Amino acid sequence: MAARVIRNADLVRVAWKNGGGTTAEVAAFPEGSGFDTFGWRISMADVESDGPFSVFPDIDRTLIVVEGNGIELDVEGVPFRLDRASPSSPSPARMRRSGGSCRDRSATST
């Protein structure tokens, strides 16, 4: 795979099903793979509102908050702050932004 420059303005943003933000895929392997067929994937999300936090069974996901004050998950009544590199919840959770919109980067693998 050859190195290439990926510009933020060139990324395609896809709205979340719950309307709370958007996600843009930065890179995936194998190249051209879909969400159900990737081996690894790097993406970024703009989190615009509080709401349910997506659970992806059988996928390892680590989030890094890169802009804003972070995200707090409520997992079965227990708060869990995502502020730097944090594994995501394997259980259904409610997500709350800590002081407004934020942006995260996500690394996922199967």
PDB file of N, CA and C in Angstrom:
ATOM      1  N   MET A   1       0.848  -1.172   0.000  1.00  0.00           N
ATOM      2  CA  MET A   1       0.000   0.000   0.000  1.00  0.00           C
ATOM      3  C   MET A   1       0.891   1.233   0.000  1.00  0.00           C
ATOM      4  N   ALA A   2       0.704   2.105  -0.952  1.00  0.00           N
ATOM      5  CA  ALA A   2       1.488   3.328  -1.061  1.00  0.00           C
ATOM      6  C   ALA A   2       0.971   4.383  -0.085  1.00  0.00           C
ATOM      7  N   ALA A   3       1.875   5.209   0.417  1.00  0.00           N
ATOM      8  CA  ALA A   3       1.481   6.302   1.299  1.00  0.00           C
ATOM      9  C   ALA A   3       0.726   7.350   0.500  1.00  0.00           C
ATOM     10  N   ARG A   4      -0.249   7.993   1.133  1.00  0.00           N
ATOM     11  CA  ARG A   4      -0.986   9.068   0.468  1.00  0.00           C
ATOM     12  C   ARG A   4      -1.461  10.075   1.500  1.00  0.00           C
ATOM     13  N   VAL A   5      -1.641  11.299   1.064  1.00  0.00           N
ATOM     14  CA  VAL A   5      -2.143  12.369   1.921  1.00  0.00           C
ATOM     15  C   VAL A   5      -3.669  12.287   1.926  1.00  0.00           C
ATOM     16  N   ILE A   6      -4.253  12.291   3.115  1.00  0.00           N
ATOM     17  CA  ILE A   6      -5.707  12.273   3.258  1.00  0.00           C
ATOM     18  C   ILE A   6      -6.119  13.599   3.874  1.00  0.00           C
ATOM     19  N   ARG A   7      -6.852  14.380   3.132  1.00  0.00           N
ATOM     20  CA  ARG A   7      -7.272  15.701   3.604  1.00  0.00           C
ATOM     21  C   ARG A   7      -8.672  15.628   4.211  1.00  0.00           C
ATOM     22  N   ASN A   8      -8.836  16.307   5.317  1.00  0.00           N
ATOM     23  CA  ASN A   8     -10.117  16.324   6.020  1.00  0.00           C
ATOM     24  C   ASN A   8     -11.259  16.715   5.081  1.00  0.00           C
ATOM     25  N   ALA A   9     -11.038  17.694   4.239  1.00  0.00           N
ATOM     26  CA  ALA A   9     -12.091  18.186   3.342  1.00  0.00           C
ATOM     27  C   ALA A   9     -12.517  17.135   2.314  1.00  0.00           C
ATOM     28  N   ASP A  10     -11.675  16.132   2.067  1.00  0.00           N
ATOM     29  CA  ASP A  10     -11.991  15.102   1.081  1.00  0.00           C
ATOM     30  C   ASP A  10     -12.753  13.913   1.663  1.00  0.00           C
ATOM     31  N   LEU A  11     -12.871  13.850   2.974  1.00  0.00           N
ATOM     32  CA  LEU A  11     -13.548  12.718   3.610  1.00  0.00           C
ATOM     33  C   LEU A  11     -15.057  12.824   3.443  1.00  0.00           C
ATOM     34  N   VAL A  12     -15.687  11.686   3.223  1.00  0.00           N
ATOM     35  CA  VAL A  12     -17.152  11.633   3.099  1.00  0.00           C
ATOM     36  C   VAL A  12     -17.732  11.373   4.487  1.00  0.00           C
ATOM     37  N   ARG A  13     -18.585  12.275   4.942  1.00  0.00           N
ATOM     38  CA  ARG A  13     -19.220  12.134   6.247  1.00  0.00           C
ATOM     39  C   ARG A  13     -20.580  11.478   6.089  1.00  0.00           C
ATOM     40  N   VAL A  14     -20.852  10.514   6.974  1.00  0.00           N
ATOM     41  CA  VAL A  14     -22.118   9.793   6.956  1.00  0.00           C
ATOM     42  C   VAL A  14     -22.829  10.059   8.283  1.00  0.00           C
ATOM     43  N   ALA A  15     -24.087  10.481   8.192  1.00  0.00           N
ATOM     44  CA  ALA A  15     -24.867  10.771   9.404  1.00  0.00           C
ATOM     45  C   ALA A  15     -25.158   9.485  10.173  1.00  0.00           C
ATOM     46  N   TRP A  16     -25.135   9.593  11.492  1.00  0.00           N
ATOM     47  CA  TRP A  16     -25.486   8.452  12.334  1.00  0.00           C
ATOM     48  C   TRP A  16     -26.977   8.176  12.230  1.00  0.00           C
ATOM     49  N   LYS A  17     -27.361   6.936  12.450  1.00  0.00           N
ATOM     50  CA  LYS A  17     -28.775   6.561  12.420  1.00  0.00           C
ATOM     51  C   LYS A  17     -29.582   7.335  13.461  1.00  0.00           C
ATOM     52  N   ASN A  18     -28.969   7.652  14.624  1.00  0.00           N
ATOM     53  CA  ASN A  18     -29.701   8.364  15.675  1.00  0.00           C
ATOM     54  C   ASN A  18     -29.657   9.881  15.500  1.00  0.00           C
ATOM     55  N   GLY A  19     -28.972  10.370  14.457  1.00  0.00           N
ATOM     56  CA  GLY A  19     -28.927  11.796  14.179  1.00  0.00           C
ATOM     57  C   GLY A  19     -28.013  12.596  15.086  1.00  0.00           C
ATOM     58  N   GLY A  20     -27.238  11.942  15.953  1.00  0.00           N
ATOM     59  CA  GLY A  20     -26.417  12.648  16.928  1.00  0.00           C
ATOM     60  C   GLY A  20     -25.044  13.062  16.459  1.00  0.00           C
ATOM     61  N   GLY A  21     -24.685  12.741  15.222  1.00  0.00           N
ATOM     62  CA  GLY A  21     -23.366  13.105  14.737  1.00  0.00           C
ATOM     63  C   GLY A  21     -23.099  12.509  13.371  1.00  0.00           C
ATOM     64  N   THR A  22     -21.832  12.571  12.966  1.00  0.00           N
ATOM     65  CA  THR A  22     -21.415  12.010  11.680  1.00  0.00           C
ATOM     66  C   THR A  22     -20.109  11.245  11.860  1.00  0.00           C
ATOM     67  N   THR A  23     -19.850  10.324  10.946  1.00  0.00           N
ATOM     68  CA  THR A  23     -18.598   9.567  10.929  1.00  0.00           C
ATOM     69  C   THR A  23     -17.991   9.652   9.539  1.00  0.00           C
ATOM     70  N   ALA A  24     -16.668   9.754   9.486  1.00  0.00           N
ATOM     71  CA  ALA A  24     -15.936   9.739   8.223  1.00  0.00           C
ATOM     72  C   ALA A  24     -14.854   8.675   8.314  1.00  0.00           C
ATOM     73  N   GLU A  25     -14.830   7.755   7.345  1.00  0.00           N
ATOM     74  CA  GLU A  25     -13.783   6.745   7.305  1.00  0.00           C
ATOM     75  C   GLU A  25     -12.511   7.374   6.750  1.00  0.00           C
ATOM     76  N   VAL A  26     -11.397   7.192   7.458  1.00  0.00           N
ATOM     77  CA  VAL A  26     -10.110   7.716   7.028  1.00  0.00           C
ATOM     78  C   VAL A  26      -9.361   6.650   6.225  1.00  0.00           C
ATOM     79  N   ALA A  27      -9.363   5.413   6.719  1.00  0.00           N
ATOM     80  CA  ALA A  27      -8.687   4.315   6.028  1.00  0.00           C
ATOM     81  C   ALA A  27      -9.257   2.998   6.520  1.00  0.00           C
ATOM     82  N   ALA A  28      -9.168   1.976   5.674  1.00  0.00           N
ATOM     83  CA  ALA A  28      -9.605   0.631   6.048  1.00  0.00           C
ATOM     84  C   ALA A  28      -8.773  -0.384   5.287  1.00  0.00           C
ATOM     85  N   PHE A  29      -8.664  -1.583   5.862  1.00  0.00           N
ATOM     86  CA  PHE A  29      -7.972  -2.685   5.206  1.00  0.00           C
ATOM     87  C   PHE A  29      -8.829  -3.928   5.295  1.00  0.00           C
ATOM     88  N   PRO A  30      -8.965  -4.666   4.229  1.00  0.00           N
ATOM     89  CA  PRO A  30      -8.419  -4.366   2.915  1.00  0.00           C
ATOM     90  C   PRO A  30      -9.090  -3.151   2.295  1.00  0.00           C
ATOM     91  N   GLU A  31      -8.351  -2.446   1.455  1.00  0.00           N
ATOM     92  CA  GLU A  31      -8.881  -1.240   0.819  1.00  0.00           C
ATOM     93  C   GLU A  31     -10.167  -1.574   0.074  1.00  0.00           C
ATOM     94  N   GLY A  32     -11.172  -0.733   0.235  1.00  0.00           N
ATOM     95  CA  GLY A  32     -12.457  -0.940  -0.412  1.00  0.00           C
ATOM     96  C   GLY A  32     -13.400  -1.853   0.363  1.00  0.00           C
ATOM     97  N   SER A  33     -12.964  -2.354   1.525  1.00  0.00           N
ATOM     98  CA  SER A  33     -13.824  -3.238   2.308  1.00  0.00           C
ATOM     99  C   SER A  33     -14.977  -2.451   2.919  1.00  0.00           C
ATOM    100  N   GLY A  34     -16.067  -3.132   3.155  1.00  0.00           N
ATOM    101  CA  GLY A  34     -17.228  -2.523   3.794  1.00  0.00           C
ATOM    102  C   GLY A  34     -17.174  -2.687   5.295  1.00  0.00           C
ATOM    103  N   PHE A  35     -18.184  -2.145   5.988  1.00  0.00           N
ATOM    104  CA  PHE A  35     -18.188  -2.200   7.449  1.00  0.00           C
ATOM    105  C   PHE A  35     -18.266  -3.637   7.959  1.00  0.00           C
ATOM    106  N   ASP A  36     -18.835  -4.531   7.193  1.00  0.00           N
ATOM    107  CA  ASP A  36     -18.954  -5.926   7.614  1.00  0.00           C
ATOM    108  C   ASP A  36     -17.759  -6.787   7.221  1.00  0.00           C
ATOM    109  N   THR A  37     -16.809  -6.231   6.453  1.00  0.00           N
ATOM    110  CA  THR A  37     -15.724  -7.061   5.922  1.00  0.00           C
ATOM    111  C   THR A  37     -14.318  -6.544   6.219  1.00  0.00           C
ATOM    112  N   PHE A  38     -14.169  -5.442   6.950  1.00  0.00           N
ATOM    113  CA  PHE A  38     -12.830  -4.903   7.184  1.00  0.00           C
ATOM    114  C   PHE A  38     -12.049  -5.738   8.197  1.00  0.00           C
ATOM    115  N   GLY A  39     -10.722  -5.654   8.085  1.00  0.00           N
ATOM    116  CA  GLY A  39      -9.839  -6.227   9.093  1.00  0.00           C
ATOM    117  C   GLY A  39      -9.488  -5.182  10.143  1.00  0.00           C
ATOM    118  N   TRP A  40      -9.245  -3.950   9.685  1.00  0.00           N
ATOM    119  CA  TRP A  40      -9.079  -2.800  10.568  1.00  0.00           C
ATOM    120  C   TRP A  40      -9.627  -1.563   9.870  1.00  0.00           C
ATOM    121  N   ARG A  41      -9.952  -0.558  10.682  1.00  0.00           N
ATOM    122  CA  ARG A  41     -10.566   0.662  10.157  1.00  0.00           C
ATOM    123  C   ARG A  41     -10.208   1.829  11.063  1.00  0.00           C
ATOM    124  N   ILE A  42      -9.866   2.971  10.454  1.00  0.00           N
ATOM    125  CA  ILE A  42      -9.627   4.215  11.186  1.00  0.00           C
ATOM    126  C   ILE A  42     -10.698   5.201  10.735  1.00  0.00           C
ATOM    127  N   SER A  43     -11.375   5.824  11.684  1.00  0.00           N
ATOM    128  CA  SER A  43     -12.419   6.786  11.334  1.00  0.00           C
ATOM    129  C   SER A  43     -12.397   7.928  12.336  1.00  0.00           C
ATOM    130  N   MET A  44     -13.160   8.965  12.017  1.00  0.00           N
ATOM    131  CA  MET A  44     -13.334  10.061  12.969  1.00  0.00           C
ATOM    132  C   MET A  44     -14.812  10.408  13.010  1.00  0.00           C
ATOM    133  N   ALA A  45     -15.230  10.867  14.160  1.00  0.00           N
ATOM    134  CA  ALA A  45     -16.639  11.204  14.341  1.00  0.00           C
ATOM    135  C   ALA A  45     -16.761  12.591  14.938  1.00  0.00           C
ATOM    136  N   ASP A  46     -17.758  13.319  14.461  1.00  0.00           N
ATOM    137  CA  ASP A  46     -18.150  14.589  15.069  1.00  0.00           C
ATOM    138  C   ASP A  46     -19.398  14.303  15.889  1.00  0.00           C
ATOM    139  N   VAL A  47     -19.284  14.440  17.197  1.00  0.00           N
ATOM    140  CA  VAL A  47     -20.374  14.138  18.122  1.00  0.00           C
ATOM    141  C   VAL A  47     -21.108  15.438  18.415  1.00  0.00           C
ATOM    142  N   GLU A  48     -22.358  15.531  17.958  1.00  0.00           N
ATOM    143  CA  GLU A  48     -23.124  16.774  18.065  1.00  0.00           C
ATOM    144  C   GLU A  48     -24.157  16.772  19.182  1.00  0.00           C
ATOM    145  N   SER A  49     -24.618  15.601  19.622  1.00  0.00           N
ATOM    146  CA  SER A  49     -25.624  15.564  20.690  1.00  0.00           C
ATOM    147  C   SER A  49     -25.487  14.292  21.505  1.00  0.00           C
ATOM    148  N   ASP A  50     -26.047  14.317  22.693  1.00  0.00           N
ATOM    149  CA  ASP A  50     -26.060  13.158  23.577  1.00  0.00           C
ATOM    150  C   ASP A  50     -27.020  12.109  23.020  1.00  0.00           C
ATOM    151  N   GLY A  51     -26.813  10.854  23.398  1.00  0.00           N
ATOM    152  CA  GLY A  51     -27.718   9.806  22.953  1.00  0.00           C
ATOM    153  C   GLY A  51     -27.133   8.436  23.173  1.00  0.00           C
ATOM    154  N   PRO A  52     -27.745   7.428  22.567  1.00  0.00           N
ATOM    155  CA  PRO A  52     -27.244   6.064  22.732  1.00  0.00           C
ATOM    156  C   PRO A  52     -25.868   5.913  22.087  1.00  0.00           C
ATOM    157  N   PHE A  53     -25.035   5.095  22.710  1.00  0.00           N
ATOM    158  CA  PHE A  53     -23.687   4.824  22.210  1.00  0.00           C
ATOM    159  C   PHE A  53     -23.726   3.490  21.484  1.00  0.00           C
ATOM    160  N   SER A  54     -23.269   3.468  20.241  1.00  0.00           N
ATOM    161  CA  SER A  54     -23.337   2.255  19.428  1.00  0.00           C
ATOM    162  C   SER A  54     -22.423   1.165  19.958  1.00  0.00           C
ATOM    163  N   VAL A  55     -22.965  -0.049  19.989  1.00  0.00           N
ATOM    164  CA  VAL A  55     -22.197  -1.235  20.354  1.00  0.00           C
ATOM    165  C   VAL A  55     -21.977  -2.034  19.077  1.00  0.00           C
ATOM    166  N   PHE A  56     -20.735  -2.437  18.844  1.00  0.00           N
ATOM    167  CA  PHE A  56     -20.397  -3.251  17.673  1.00  0.00           C
ATOM    168  C   PHE A  56     -19.874  -4.600  18.164  1.00  0.00           C
ATOM    169  N   PRO A  57     -20.745  -5.604  18.214  1.00  0.00           N
ATOM    170  CA  PRO A  57     -20.317  -6.927  18.711  1.00  0.00           C
ATOM    171  C   PRO A  57     -19.157  -7.479  17.884  1.00  0.00           C
ATOM    172  N   ASP A  58     -18.220  -8.128  18.574  1.00  0.00           N
ATOM    173  CA  ASP A  58     -17.073  -8.802  17.953  1.00  0.00           C
ATOM    174  C   ASP A  58     -16.096  -7.847  17.264  1.00  0.00           C
ATOM    175  N   ILE A  59     -16.163  -6.561  17.580  1.00  0.00           N
ATOM    176  CA  ILE A  59     -15.221  -5.588  17.029  1.00  0.00           C
ATOM    177  C   ILE A  59     -14.535  -4.879  18.192  1.00  0.00           C
ATOM    178  N   ASP A  60     -13.196  -4.858  18.173  1.00  0.00           N
ATOM    179  CA  ASP A  60     -12.432  -4.109  19.171  1.00  0.00           C
ATOM    180  C   ASP A  60     -12.368  -2.664  18.701  1.00  0.00           C
ATOM    181  N   ARG A  61     -12.731  -1.730  19.596  1.00  0.00           N
ATOM    182  CA  ARG A  61     -12.762  -0.312  19.218  1.00  0.00           C
ATOM    183  C   ARG A  61     -12.125   0.515  20.323  1.00  0.00           C
ATOM    184  N   THR A  62     -11.216   1.399  19.932  1.00  0.00           N
ATOM    185  CA  THR A  62     -10.600   2.347  20.857  1.00  0.00           C
ATOM    186  C   THR A  62     -10.866   3.744  20.336  1.00  0.00           C
ATOM    187  N   LEU A  63     -11.360   4.612  21.225  1.00  0.00           N
ATOM    188  CA  LEU A  63     -11.651   5.999  20.869  1.00  0.00           C
ATOM    189  C   LEU A  63     -10.611   6.928  21.478  1.00  0.00           C
ATOM    190  N   ILE A  64     -10.266   7.964  20.732  1.00  0.00           N
ATOM    191  CA  ILE A  64      -9.381   9.011  21.223  1.00  0.00           C
ATOM    192  C   ILE A  64     -10.091  10.334  20.976  1.00  0.00           C
ATOM    193  N   VAL A  65     -10.446  11.046  22.023  1.00  0.00           N
ATOM    194  CA  VAL A  65     -11.087  12.347  21.882  1.00  0.00           C
ATOM    195  C   VAL A  65      -9.997  13.352  21.521  1.00  0.00           C
ATOM    196  N   VAL A  66     -10.154  14.012  20.352  1.00  0.00           N
ATOM    197  CA  VAL A  66      -9.120  14.924  19.865  1.00  0.00           C
ATOM    198  C   VAL A  66      -9.540  16.390  19.899  1.00  0.00           C
ATOM    199  N   GLU A  67     -10.827  16.656  20.031  1.00  0.00           N
ATOM    200  CA  GLU A  67     -11.324  18.023  20.179  1.00  0.00           C
ATOM    201  C   GLU A  67     -12.504  17.997  21.141  1.00  0.00           C
ATOM    202  N   GLY A  68     -12.623  19.035  21.947  1.00  0.00           N
ATOM    203  CA  GLY A  68     -13.729  19.123  22.891  1.00  0.00           C
ATOM    204  C   GLY A  68     -13.330  18.602  24.261  1.00  0.00           C
ATOM    205  N   ASN A  69     -14.315  18.544  25.151  1.00  0.00           N
ATOM    206  CA  ASN A  69     -14.055  18.204  26.552  1.00  0.00           C
ATOM    207  C   ASN A  69     -14.259  16.738  26.904  1.00  0.00           C
ATOM    208  N   GLY A  70     -14.514  15.905  25.921  1.00  0.00           N
ATOM    209  CA  GLY A  70     -14.624  14.478  26.198  1.00  0.00           C
ATOM    210  C   GLY A  70     -16.057  13.981  26.161  1.00  0.00           C
ATOM    211  N   ILE A  71     -16.180  12.702  26.430  1.00  0.00           N
ATOM    212  CA  ILE A  71     -17.454  12.003  26.396  1.00  0.00           C
ATOM    213  C   ILE A  71     -17.545  11.154  27.654  1.00  0.00           C
ATOM    214  N   GLU A  72     -18.729  11.073  28.216  1.00  0.00           N
ATOM    215  CA  GLU A  72     -18.959  10.172  29.345  1.00  0.00           C
ATOM    216  C   GLU A  72     -20.013   9.160  28.954  1.00  0.00           C
ATOM    217  N   LEU A  73     -19.705   7.886  29.187  1.00  0.00           N
ATOM    218  CA  LEU A  73     -20.671   6.830  28.954  1.00  0.00           C
ATOM    219  C   LEU A  73     -21.295   6.430  30.278  1.00  0.00           C
ATOM    220  N   ASP A  74     -22.566   6.122  30.251  1.00  0.00           N
ATOM    221  CA  ASP A  74     -23.253   5.546  31.406  1.00  0.00           C
ATOM    222  C   ASP A  74     -23.507   4.092  31.028  1.00  0.00           C
ATOM    223  N   VAL A  75     -22.727   3.192  31.617  1.00  0.00           N
ATOM    224  CA  VAL A  75     -22.835   1.769  31.320  1.00  0.00           C
ATOM    225  C   VAL A  75     -23.490   1.088  32.510  1.00  0.00           C
ATOM    226  N   GLU A  76     -24.748   0.735  32.355  1.00  0.00           N
ATOM    227  CA  GLU A  76     -25.508   0.067  33.413  1.00  0.00           C
ATOM    228  C   GLU A  76     -25.436   0.849  34.726  1.00  0.00           C
ATOM    229  N   GLY A  77     -25.552   2.186  34.626  1.00  0.00           N
ATOM    230  CA  GLY A  77     -25.562   3.052  35.802  1.00  0.00           C
ATOM    231  C   GLY A  77     -24.200   3.469  36.310  1.00  0.00           C
ATOM    232  N   VAL A  78     -23.131   3.022  35.665  1.00  0.00           N
ATOM    233  CA  VAL A  78     -21.772   3.366  36.094  1.00  0.00           C
ATOM    234  C   VAL A  78     -21.165   4.318  35.065  1.00  0.00           C
ATOM    235  N   PRO A  79     -20.755   5.548  35.493  1.00  0.00           N
ATOM    236  CA  PRO A  79     -20.148   6.487  34.551  1.00  0.00           C
ATOM    237  C   PRO A  79     -18.732   6.060  34.177  1.00  0.00           C
ATOM    238  N   PHE A  80     -18.381   6.263  32.900  1.00  0.00           N
ATOM    239  CA  PHE A  80     -17.066   5.917  32.382  1.00  0.00           C
ATOM    240  C   PHE A  80     -16.660   7.036  31.442  1.00  0.00           C
ATOM    241  N   ARG A  81     -15.620   7.794  31.797  1.00  0.00           N
ATOM    242  CA  ARG A  81     -15.200   8.956  31.006  1.00  0.00           C
ATOM    243  C   ARG A  81     -14.250   8.542  29.894  1.00  0.00           C
ATOM    244  N   LEU A  82     -14.572   8.957  28.662  1.00  0.00           N
ATOM    245  CA  LEU A  82     -13.687   8.790  27.515  1.00  0.00           C
ATOM    246  C   LEU A  82     -13.036  10.144  27.273  1.00  0.00           C
ATOM    247  N   ASP A  83     -11.763  10.268  27.594  1.00  0.00           N
ATOM    248  CA  ASP A  83     -11.127  11.563  27.405  1.00  0.00           C
ATOM    249  C   ASP A  83      -9.860  11.477  26.557  1.00  0.00           C
ATOM    250  N   ARG A  84      -9.150  10.423  26.646  1.00  0.00           N
ATOM    251  CA  ARG A  84      -7.978  10.221  25.797  1.00  0.00           C
ATOM    252  C   ARG A  84      -8.204   8.897  25.066  1.00  0.00           C
ATOM    253  N   ALA A  85      -7.278   7.975  25.150  1.00  0.00           N
ATOM    254  CA  ALA A  85      -7.471   6.673  24.512  1.00  0.00           C
ATOM    255  C   ALA A  85      -8.222   5.759  25.465  1.00  0.00           C
ATOM    256  N   SER A  86      -9.384   5.334  25.077  1.00  0.00           N
ATOM    257  CA  SER A  86     -10.227   4.506  25.934  1.00  0.00           C
ATOM    258  C   SER A  86     -10.912   3.429  25.119  1.00  0.00           C
ATOM    259  N   PRO A  87     -10.979   2.219  25.661  1.00  0.00           N
ATOM    260  CA  PRO A  87     -11.760   1.202  24.964  1.00  0.00           C
ATOM    261  C   PRO A  87     -13.231   1.546  25.067  1.00  0.00           C
ATOM    262  N   SER A  88     -13.985   1.213  24.058  1.00  0.00           N
ATOM    263  CA  SER A  88     -15.414   1.489  24.117  1.00  0.00           C
ATOM    264  C   SER A  88     -16.117   0.388  24.888  1.00  0.00           C
ATOM    265  N   SER A  89     -17.355   0.637  25.216  1.00  0.00           N
ATOM    266  CA  SER A  89     -18.146  -0.269  26.031  1.00  0.00           C
ATOM    267  C   SER A  89     -18.640  -1.468  25.231  1.00  0.00           C
ATOM    268  N   PRO A  90     -18.521  -2.680  25.792  1.00  0.00           N
ATOM    269  CA  PRO A  90     -19.087  -3.850  25.127  1.00  0.00           C
ATOM    270  C   PRO A  90     -20.584  -3.990  25.422  1.00  0.00           C
ATOM    271  N   SER A  91     -21.113  -3.155  26.314  1.00  0.00           N
ATOM    272  CA  SER A  91     -22.521  -3.215  26.712  1.00  0.00           C
ATOM    273  C   SER A  91     -23.257  -1.982  26.214  1.00  0.00           C
ATOM    274  N   PRO A  92     -24.580  -2.071  26.080  1.00  0.00           N
ATOM    275  CA  PRO A  92     -25.339  -0.867  25.717  1.00  0.00           C
ATOM    276  C   PRO A  92     -25.042   0.265  26.711  1.00  0.00           C
ATOM    277  N   ALA A  93     -24.892   1.456  26.188  1.00  0.00           N
ATOM    278  CA  ALA A  93     -24.546   2.595  27.035  1.00  0.00           C
ATOM    279  C   ALA A  93     -25.226   3.847  26.511  1.00  0.00           C
ATOM    280  N   ARG A  94     -25.356   4.820  27.389  1.00  0.00           N
ATOM    281  CA  ARG A  94     -25.852   6.148  27.037  1.00  0.00           C
ATOM    282  C   ARG A  94     -24.639   7.057  27.020  1.00  0.00           C
ATOM    283  N   MET A  95     -24.500   7.881  25.970  1.00  0.00           N
ATOM    284  CA  MET A  95     -23.355   8.752  25.812  1.00  0.00           C
ATOM    285  C   MET A  95     -23.770  10.197  26.077  1.00  0.00           C
ATOM    286  N   ARG A  96     -22.909  10.907  26.832  1.00  0.00           N
ATOM    287  CA  ARG A  96     -23.154  12.317  27.122  1.00  0.00           C
ATOM    288  C   ARG A  96     -21.861  13.078  26.864  1.00  0.00           C
ATOM    289  N   ARG A  97     -21.950  14.169  26.095  1.00  0.00           N
ATOM    290  CA  ARG A  97     -20.793  15.014  25.840  1.00  0.00           C
ATOM    291  C   ARG A  97     -20.482  15.826  27.089  1.00  0.00           C
ATOM    292  N   SER A  98     -19.221  16.055  27.347  1.00  0.00           N
ATOM    293  CA  SER A  98     -18.804  16.852  28.500  1.00  0.00           C
ATOM    294  C   SER A  98     -18.567  18.286  28.051  1.00  0.00           C
ATOM    295  N   GLY A  99     -19.638  19.054  27.895  1.00  0.00           N
ATOM    296  CA  GLY A  99     -19.488  20.466  27.570  1.00  0.00           C
ATOM    297  C   GLY A  99     -19.513  20.806  26.097  1.00  0.00           C
ATOM    298  N   GLY A 100     -20.386  20.223  25.323  1.00  0.00           N
ATOM    299  CA  GLY A 100     -20.534  20.613  23.930  1.00  0.00           C
ATOM    300  C   GLY A 100     -20.015  19.579  22.950  1.00  0.00           C
ATOM    301  N   SER A 101     -20.001  19.973  21.694  1.00  0.00           N
ATOM    302  CA  SER A 101     -19.588  19.080  20.623  1.00  0.00           C
ATOM    303  C   SER A 101     -18.143  18.640  20.801  1.00  0.00           C
ATOM    304  N   CYS A 102     -17.823  17.485  20.249  1.00  0.00           N
ATOM    305  CA  CYS A 102     -16.450  17.012  20.291  1.00  0.00           C
ATOM    306  C   CYS A 102     -16.175  16.167  19.051  1.00  0.00           C
ATOM    307  N   ARG A 103     -14.920  15.869  18.834  1.00  0.00           N
ATOM    308  CA  ARG A 103     -14.488  15.031  17.710  1.00  0.00           C
ATOM    309  C   ARG A 103     -13.604  13.931  18.285  1.00  0.00           C
ATOM    310  N   ASP A 104     -13.798  12.727  17.762  1.00  0.00           N
ATOM    311  CA  ASP A 104     -12.940  11.627  18.182  1.00  0.00           C
ATOM    312  C   ASP A 104     -12.380  10.900  16.982  1.00  0.00           C
ATOM    313  N   ARG A 105     -11.315  10.160  17.231  1.00  0.00           N
ATOM    314  CA  ARG A 105     -10.761   9.235  16.251  1.00  0.00           C
ATOM    315  C   ARG A 105     -11.017   7.850  16.813  1.00  0.00           C
ATOM    316  N   SER A 106     -11.272   6.913  15.932  1.00  0.00           N
ATOM    317  CA  SER A 106     -11.592   5.558  16.345  1.00  0.00           C
ATOM    318  C   SER A 106     -10.754   4.578  15.549  1.00  0.00           C
ATOM    319  N   ALA A 107     -10.173   3.609  16.251  1.00  0.00           N
ATOM    320  CA  ALA A 107      -9.474   2.505  15.605  1.00  0.00           C
ATOM    321  C   ALA A 107     -10.235   1.242  15.937  1.00  0.00           C
ATOM    322  N   THR A 108     -10.633   0.503  14.908  1.00  0.00           N
ATOM    323  CA  THR A 108     -11.406  -0.722  15.104  1.00  0.00           C
ATOM    324  C   THR A 108     -10.736  -1.878  14.383  1.00  0.00           C
ATOM    325  N   SER A 109     -10.916  -3.058  14.914  1.00  0.00           N
ATOM    326  CA  SER A 109     -10.396  -4.261  14.254  1.00  0.00           C
ATOM    327  C   SER A 109     -11.268  -5.451  14.584  1.00  0.00           C
ATOM    328  N   THR A 110     -11.209  -6.431  13.714  1.00  0.00           N
ATOM    329  CA  THR A 110     -12.006  -7.635  13.928  1.00  0.00           C
ATOM    330  C   THR A 110     -11.129  -8.770  14.403  1.00  0.00           C
TER     331      THR A 110
END
